[in-house]
Amino acid sequence: MLSGRRLDLLDPSPLDVEIVDIAHGLARVARWNGQTAGPHVFSVAQHALLVEAIGGAFEPALGAAGRLELLLHDAPEYVIGDIISPFKAAIGHSYKAVENRLLAAIRLRFGLTPAPTAAMQRLIKRADRLSAYLEATRLAGFSQVEAVRVFGKPDRLDTPLDPLLDPWPTAEAQGAFLARFHVLVEAGQAVTVP
């Protein structure tokens, strides 16, 4: 990693996880394999910010630790990339096992439990699904009919999300991700960053 840490992908240690590496990597990983409109890719860092905003809008009473879980939901992709869902399914259990070990190490590093609760998993999935629908229809060329077929009928949300759906330059996505992470850590007494 650019921080100087060495991360064992098959046996990751929370001690080798740094938020600067996560932000740097996620800002450089393109959602939709880069097949989005605009002069910049829509990065996983920006997607994480969008999912965190959506999840927070769905659950306004969610605390900082819960919002941090939303922000970090795709954090393993900073080292393993963003593989499209059909290909993930074809790869099977091996990929998911590596992803889950990385996610557990990341979560432990930032004071979270190794895995989210069932309720948090449902919230992450719900926010991620709406994010995918919005990204598909606004950035990736899907019609609304096609997006509903693939992602399901989207939940209604009255929160303005347009600024988060305009792809940002890499440095902006990285900076915004880091800034949001630090706001959430400072706001949550239970979340500690050694």
C-alpha atoms as a PDB file:
ATOM      1  CA  MET A   1       0.000   0.000   0.000  1.00  0.00           C
ATOM      2  CA  LEU A   2       1.119   3.597  -0.524  1.00  0.00           C
ATOM      3  CA  SER A   3       1.074   4.095   3.253  1.00  0.00           C
ATOM      4  CA  GLY A   4       3.890   1.550   3.485  1.00  0.00           C
ATOM      5  CA  ARG A   5       1.665  -1.174   4.937  1.00  0.00           C
ATOM      6  CA  ARG A   6       1.831  -4.680   3.510  1.00  0.00           C
ATOM      7  CA  LEU A   7      -1.582  -6.329   3.379  1.00  0.00           C
ATOM      8  CA  ASP A   8      -1.905 -10.103   3.112  1.00  0.00           C
ATOM      9  CA  LEU A   9      -5.017 -10.569   0.968  1.00  0.00           C
ATOM     10  CA  LEU A  10      -5.578 -14.133   2.140  1.00  0.00           C
ATOM     11  CA  ASP A  11      -5.032 -13.422   5.843  1.00  0.00           C
ATOM     12  CA  PRO A  12      -5.566  -9.684   6.332  1.00  0.00           C
ATOM     13  CA  SER A  13      -4.743  -8.086   9.648  1.00  0.00           C
ATOM     14  CA  PRO A  14      -6.646  -5.041  10.905  1.00  0.00           C
ATOM     15  CA  LEU A  15      -3.237  -3.596  11.821  1.00  0.00           C
ATOM     16  CA  ASP A  16      -2.346  -3.371   8.123  1.00  0.00           C
ATOM     17  CA  VAL A  17      -5.456  -1.403   7.143  1.00  0.00           C
ATOM     18  CA  GLU A  18      -5.151   2.373   6.742  1.00  0.00           C
ATOM     19  CA  ILE A  19      -8.002   4.697   5.781  1.00  0.00           C
ATOM     20  CA  VAL A  20      -5.709   6.677   3.477  1.00  0.00           C
ATOM     21  CA  ASP A  21      -5.067   3.502   1.452  1.00  0.00           C
ATOM     22  CA  ILE A  22      -8.789   2.735   1.310  1.00  0.00           C
ATOM     23  CA  ALA A  23      -9.684   6.253   0.156  1.00  0.00           C
ATOM     24  CA  HIS A  24      -6.861   6.282  -2.402  1.00  0.00           C
ATOM     25  CA  GLY A  25      -7.836   2.903  -3.842  1.00  0.00           C
ATOM     26  CA  LEU A  26     -11.606   3.408  -3.884  1.00  0.00           C
ATOM     27  CA  ALA A  27     -11.263   6.793  -5.615  1.00  0.00           C
ATOM     28  CA  ARG A  28      -9.395   5.039  -8.433  1.00  0.00           C
ATOM     29  CA  VAL A  29     -11.735   2.057  -8.859  1.00  0.00           C
ATOM     30  CA  ALA A  30     -14.457   2.673 -11.442  1.00  0.00           C
ATOM     31  CA  ARG A  31     -18.012   1.518 -10.922  1.00  0.00           C
ATOM     32  CA  TRP A  32     -19.638  -0.114 -13.962  1.00  0.00           C
ATOM     33  CA  ASN A  33     -16.148  -0.998 -15.275  1.00  0.00           C
ATOM     34  CA  GLY A  34     -15.846   2.638 -16.299  1.00  0.00           C
ATOM     35  CA  GLN A  35     -18.820   2.429 -18.661  1.00  0.00           C
ATOM     36  CA  THR A  36     -20.427   5.641 -17.420  1.00  0.00           C
ATOM     37  CA  ALA A  37     -21.154   9.022 -18.964  1.00  0.00           C
ATOM     38  CA  GLY A  38     -19.028  12.052 -18.236  1.00  0.00           C
ATOM     39  CA  PRO A  39     -15.396  13.092 -18.242  1.00  0.00           C
ATOM     40  CA  HIS A  40     -14.614  11.210 -15.007  1.00  0.00           C
ATOM     41  CA  VAL A  41     -15.324   7.671 -13.846  1.00  0.00           C
ATOM     42  CA  PHE A  42     -17.912   7.174 -11.161  1.00  0.00           C
ATOM     43  CA  SER A  43     -15.667   5.780  -8.440  1.00  0.00           C
ATOM     44  CA  VAL A  44     -16.383   3.315  -5.676  1.00  0.00           C
ATOM     45  CA  ALA A  45     -15.448   6.101  -3.226  1.00  0.00           C
ATOM     46  CA  GLN A  46     -18.244   8.252  -4.618  1.00  0.00           C
ATOM     47  CA  HIS A  47     -20.613   5.257  -4.635  1.00  0.00           C
ATOM     48  CA  ALA A  48     -19.797   4.683  -0.943  1.00  0.00           C
ATOM     49  CA  LEU A  49     -20.694   8.297  -0.175  1.00  0.00           C
ATOM     50  CA  LEU A  50     -23.946   7.892  -2.093  1.00  0.00           C
ATOM     51  CA  VAL A  51     -24.865   4.681  -0.232  1.00  0.00           C
ATOM     52  CA  GLU A  52     -24.078   6.341   3.098  1.00  0.00           C
ATOM     53  CA  ALA A  53     -26.316   9.306   2.210  1.00  0.00           C
ATOM     54  CA  ILE A  54     -29.155   7.045   1.066  1.00  0.00           C
ATOM     55  CA  GLY A  55     -28.914   4.768   4.106  1.00  0.00           C
ATOM     56  CA  GLY A  56     -28.885   7.792   6.397  1.00  0.00           C
ATOM     57  CA  ALA A  57     -31.983   9.152   4.657  1.00  0.00           C
ATOM     58  CA  PHE A  58     -33.745   5.799   5.076  1.00  0.00           C
ATOM     59  CA  GLU A  59     -32.805   5.679   8.778  1.00  0.00           C
ATOM     60  CA  PRO A  60     -32.448   9.289  10.015  1.00  0.00           C
ATOM     61  CA  ALA A  61     -31.798   8.172  13.609  1.00  0.00           C
ATOM     62  CA  LEU A  62     -28.831   6.030  12.539  1.00  0.00           C
ATOM     63  CA  GLY A  63     -25.761   6.948  14.540  1.00  0.00           C
ATOM     64  CA  ALA A  64     -22.240   7.633  13.350  1.00  0.00           C
ATOM     65  CA  ALA A  65     -21.149   3.998  13.693  1.00  0.00           C
ATOM     66  CA  GLY A  66     -24.044   2.823  11.509  1.00  0.00           C
ATOM     67  CA  ARG A  67     -23.278   5.465   8.921  1.00  0.00           C
ATOM     68  CA  LEU A  68     -19.625   4.392   9.000  1.00  0.00           C
ATOM     69  CA  GLU A  69     -20.768   0.844   8.229  1.00  0.00           C
ATOM     70  CA  LEU A  70     -22.604   2.176   5.175  1.00  0.00           C
ATOM     71  CA  LEU A  71     -19.563   4.176   4.060  1.00  0.00           C
ATOM     72  CA  LEU A  72     -17.235   1.181   4.381  1.00  0.00           C
ATOM     73  CA  HIS A  73     -19.587  -1.418   2.844  1.00  0.00           C
ATOM     74  CA  ASP A  74     -17.432  -1.818  -0.307  1.00  0.00           C
ATOM     75  CA  ALA A  75     -14.082  -0.994   1.313  1.00  0.00           C
ATOM     76  CA  PRO A  76     -12.423  -4.315   0.304  1.00  0.00           C
ATOM     77  CA  GLU A  77     -12.578  -3.097  -3.286  1.00  0.00           C
ATOM     78  CA  TYR A  78      -9.635  -0.802  -2.543  1.00  0.00           C
ATOM     79  CA  VAL A  79      -7.432  -3.837  -3.138  1.00  0.00           C
ATOM     80  CA  ILE A  80      -9.600  -6.358  -5.022  1.00  0.00           C
ATOM     81  CA  GLY A  81     -11.428  -3.979  -7.359  1.00  0.00           C
ATOM     82  CA  ASP A  82     -15.094  -3.709  -8.219  1.00  0.00           C
ATOM     83  CA  ILE A  83     -16.175  -6.827 -10.040  1.00  0.00           C
ATOM     84  CA  ILE A  84     -19.604  -6.674 -11.667  1.00  0.00           C
ATOM     85  CA  SER A  85     -22.211  -8.865  -9.969  1.00  0.00           C
ATOM     86  CA  PRO A  86     -22.688 -11.441 -12.763  1.00  0.00           C
ATOM     87  CA  PHE A  87     -18.941 -12.125 -12.804  1.00  0.00           C
ATOM     88  CA  LYS A  88     -18.802 -12.310  -8.984  1.00  0.00           C
ATOM     89  CA  ALA A  89     -21.514 -14.967  -9.133  1.00  0.00           C
ATOM     90  CA  ALA A  90     -19.555 -16.904 -11.744  1.00  0.00           C
ATOM     91  CA  ILE A  91     -16.377 -16.803  -9.641  1.00  0.00           C
ATOM     92  CA  GLY A  92     -18.309 -18.102  -6.666  1.00  0.00           C
ATOM     93  CA  HIS A  93     -17.393 -18.694  -3.058  1.00  0.00           C
ATOM     94  CA  SER A  94     -13.624 -18.117  -3.336  1.00  0.00           C
ATOM     95  CA  TYR A  95     -14.020 -14.449  -4.211  1.00  0.00           C
ATOM     96  CA  LYS A  96     -16.664 -13.879  -1.526  1.00  0.00           C
ATOM     97  CA  ALA A  97     -14.460 -15.528   1.118  1.00  0.00           C
ATOM     98  CA  VAL A  98     -11.535 -13.187   0.342  1.00  0.00           C
ATOM     99  CA  GLU A  99     -13.887 -10.186   0.273  1.00  0.00           C
ATOM    100  CA  ASN A 100     -15.434 -11.151   3.634  1.00  0.00           C
ATOM    101  CA  ARG A 101     -12.033 -11.603   5.317  1.00  0.00           C
ATOM    102  CA  LEU A 102     -10.931  -8.187   4.066  1.00  0.00           C
ATOM    103  CA  LEU A 103     -14.168  -6.576   5.184  1.00  0.00           C
ATOM    104  CA  ALA A 104     -13.877  -8.127   8.657  1.00  0.00           C
ATOM    105  CA  ALA A 105     -10.309  -6.793   9.027  1.00  0.00           C
ATOM    106  CA  ILE A 106     -11.402  -3.343   7.851  1.00  0.00           C
ATOM    107  CA  ARG A 107     -14.385  -3.282  10.183  1.00  0.00           C
ATOM    108  CA  LEU A 108     -12.265  -4.367  13.166  1.00  0.00           C
ATOM    109  CA  ARG A 109      -9.640  -1.735  12.341  1.00  0.00           C
ATOM    110  CA  PHE A 110     -12.226   1.000  12.703  1.00  0.00           C
ATOM    111  CA  GLY A 111     -13.958  -0.251  15.850  1.00  0.00           C
ATOM    112  CA  LEU A 112     -16.850  -2.132  14.257  1.00  0.00           C
ATOM    113  CA  THR A 113     -17.844  -5.769  14.754  1.00  0.00           C
ATOM    114  CA  PRO A 114     -16.373  -8.212  12.187  1.00  0.00           C
ATOM    115  CA  ALA A 115     -19.730  -8.462  10.394  1.00  0.00           C
ATOM    116  CA  PRO A 116     -22.779  -6.195  10.299  1.00  0.00           C
ATOM    117  CA  THR A 117     -25.970  -7.206  12.067  1.00  0.00           C
ATOM    118  CA  ALA A 118     -28.793  -8.642   9.977  1.00  0.00           C
ATOM    119  CA  ALA A 119     -30.664  -5.313  10.231  1.00  0.00           C
ATOM    120  CA  MET A 120     -27.596  -3.391   9.054  1.00  0.00           C
ATOM    121  CA  GLN A 121     -27.084  -5.861   6.197  1.00  0.00           C
ATOM    122  CA  ARG A 122     -30.661  -5.195   5.079  1.00  0.00           C
ATOM    123  CA  LEU A 123     -30.139  -1.426   5.245  1.00  0.00           C
ATOM    124  CA  ILE A 124     -26.862  -1.657   3.309  1.00  0.00           C
ATOM    125  CA  LYS A 125     -28.524  -3.832   0.665  1.00  0.00           C
ATOM    126  CA  ARG A 126     -31.501  -1.482   0.373  1.00  0.00           C
ATOM    127  CA  ALA A 127     -29.295   1.624   0.039  1.00  0.00           C
ATOM    128  CA  ASP A 128     -26.901  -0.167  -2.329  1.00  0.00           C
ATOM    129  CA  ARG A 129     -29.799  -1.280  -4.541  1.00  0.00           C
ATOM    130  CA  LEU A 130     -31.190   2.260  -4.830  1.00  0.00           C
ATOM    131  CA  SER A 131     -27.696   3.564  -5.518  1.00  0.00           C
ATOM    132  CA  ALA A 132     -27.226   0.996  -8.294  1.00  0.00           C
ATOM    133  CA  TYR A 133     -30.602   1.927  -9.809  1.00  0.00           C
ATOM    134  CA  LEU A 134     -29.751   5.646  -9.785  1.00  0.00           C
ATOM    135  CA  GLU A 135     -26.256   5.063 -11.168  1.00  0.00           C
ATOM    136  CA  ALA A 136     -27.618   2.752 -13.869  1.00  0.00           C
ATOM    137  CA  THR A 137     -30.263   5.198 -15.070  1.00  0.00           C
ATOM    138  CA  ARG A 138     -28.277   8.415 -14.687  1.00  0.00           C
ATOM    139  CA  LEU A 139     -24.782   7.281 -15.648  1.00  0.00           C
ATOM    140  CA  ALA A 140     -24.670   3.825 -17.230  1.00  0.00           C
ATOM    141  CA  GLY A 141     -27.278   4.121 -19.986  1.00  0.00           C
ATOM    142  CA  PHE A 142     -30.011   1.904 -18.511  1.00  0.00           C
ATOM    143  CA  SER A 143     -33.625   2.722 -19.248  1.00  0.00           C
ATOM    144  CA  GLN A 144     -35.884   2.853 -16.194  1.00  0.00           C
ATOM    145  CA  VAL A 145     -37.634  -0.329 -17.342  1.00  0.00           C
ATOM    146  CA  GLU A 146     -34.322  -2.176 -17.656  1.00  0.00           C
ATOM    147  CA  ALA A 147     -33.088  -0.878 -14.300  1.00  0.00           C
ATOM    148  CA  VAL A 148     -36.288  -2.004 -12.559  1.00  0.00           C
ATOM    149  CA  ARG A 149     -35.877  -5.461 -14.127  1.00  0.00           C
ATOM    150  CA  VAL A 150     -32.282  -5.739 -12.877  1.00  0.00           C
ATOM    151  CA  PHE A 151     -32.424  -3.911  -9.527  1.00  0.00           C
ATOM    152  CA  GLY A 152     -36.102  -3.947  -8.613  1.00  0.00           C
ATOM    153  CA  LYS A 153     -38.468  -1.043  -8.167  1.00  0.00           C
ATOM    154  CA  PRO A 154     -36.552   1.696  -6.373  1.00  0.00           C
ATOM    155  CA  ASP A 155     -37.593   3.030  -2.983  1.00  0.00           C
ATOM    156  CA  ARG A 156     -38.775   6.621  -3.020  1.00  0.00           C
ATOM    157  CA  LEU A 157     -36.456   9.061  -1.366  1.00  0.00           C
ATOM    158  CA  ASP A 158     -37.027  12.801  -1.021  1.00  0.00           C
ATOM    159  CA  THR A 159     -33.383  13.589  -0.273  1.00  0.00           C
ATOM    160  CA  PRO A 160     -31.581  15.457  -3.095  1.00  0.00           C
ATOM    161  CA  LEU A 161     -28.807  13.196  -4.398  1.00  0.00           C
ATOM    162  CA  ASP A 162     -27.879  14.896  -7.681  1.00  0.00           C
ATOM    163  CA  PRO A 163     -24.526  16.285  -6.464  1.00  0.00           C
ATOM    164  CA  LEU A 164     -23.458  12.758  -5.511  1.00  0.00           C
ATOM    165  CA  LEU A 165     -24.385  11.430  -8.965  1.00  0.00           C
ATOM    166  CA  ASP A 166     -22.150  13.800 -10.908  1.00  0.00           C
ATOM    167  CA  PRO A 167     -18.826  11.932 -11.337  1.00  0.00           C
ATOM    168  CA  TRP A 168     -15.951  13.726  -9.626  1.00  0.00           C
ATOM    169  CA  PRO A 169     -12.249  13.872 -10.413  1.00  0.00           C
ATOM    170  CA  THR A 170     -10.217  11.284  -8.497  1.00  0.00           C
ATOM    171  CA  ALA A 171      -8.712  13.737  -6.011  1.00  0.00           C
ATOM    172  CA  GLU A 172     -12.149  15.154  -5.186  1.00  0.00           C
ATOM    173  CA  ALA A 173     -13.644  11.696  -4.606  1.00  0.00           C
ATOM    174  CA  GLN A 174     -10.698  10.679  -2.434  1.00  0.00           C
ATOM    175  CA  GLY A 175     -10.851  13.892  -0.392  1.00  0.00           C
ATOM    176  CA  ALA A 176     -14.617  13.721   0.083  1.00  0.00           C
ATOM    177  CA  PHE A 177     -14.431  10.084   1.203  1.00  0.00           C
ATOM    178  CA  LEU A 178     -11.673  10.843   3.724  1.00  0.00           C
ATOM    179  CA  ALA A 179     -13.465  13.933   5.004  1.00  0.00           C
ATOM    180  CA  ARG A 180     -16.711  12.037   5.545  1.00  0.00           C
ATOM    181  CA  PHE A 181     -14.870   9.201   7.274  1.00  0.00           C
ATOM    182  CA  HIS A 182     -13.265  11.652   9.715  1.00  0.00           C
ATOM    183  CA  VAL A 183     -16.590  13.421  10.407  1.00  0.00           C
ATOM    184  CA  LEU A 184     -18.203  10.076  11.253  1.00  0.00           C
ATOM    185  CA  VAL A 185     -15.294   8.956  13.432  1.00  0.00           C
ATOM    186  CA  GLU A 186     -15.306  12.252  15.343  1.00  0.00           C
ATOM    187  CA  ALA A 187     -19.090  12.037  15.801  1.00  0.00           C
ATOM    188  CA  GLY A 188     -19.093   8.464  17.111  1.00  0.00           C
ATOM    189  CA  GLN A 189     -17.745   7.908  20.599  1.00  0.00           C
ATOM    190  CA  ALA A 190     -17.768   4.111  20.125  1.00  0.00           C
ATOM    191  CA  VAL A 191     -15.754   4.279  16.900  1.00  0.00           C
ATOM    192  CA  THR A 192     -12.040   4.586  17.521  1.00  0.00           C
ATOM    193  CA  VAL A 193      -9.202   4.851  15.077  1.00  0.00           C
ATOM    194  CA  PRO A 194      -5.906   3.849  16.695  1.00  0.00           C
END
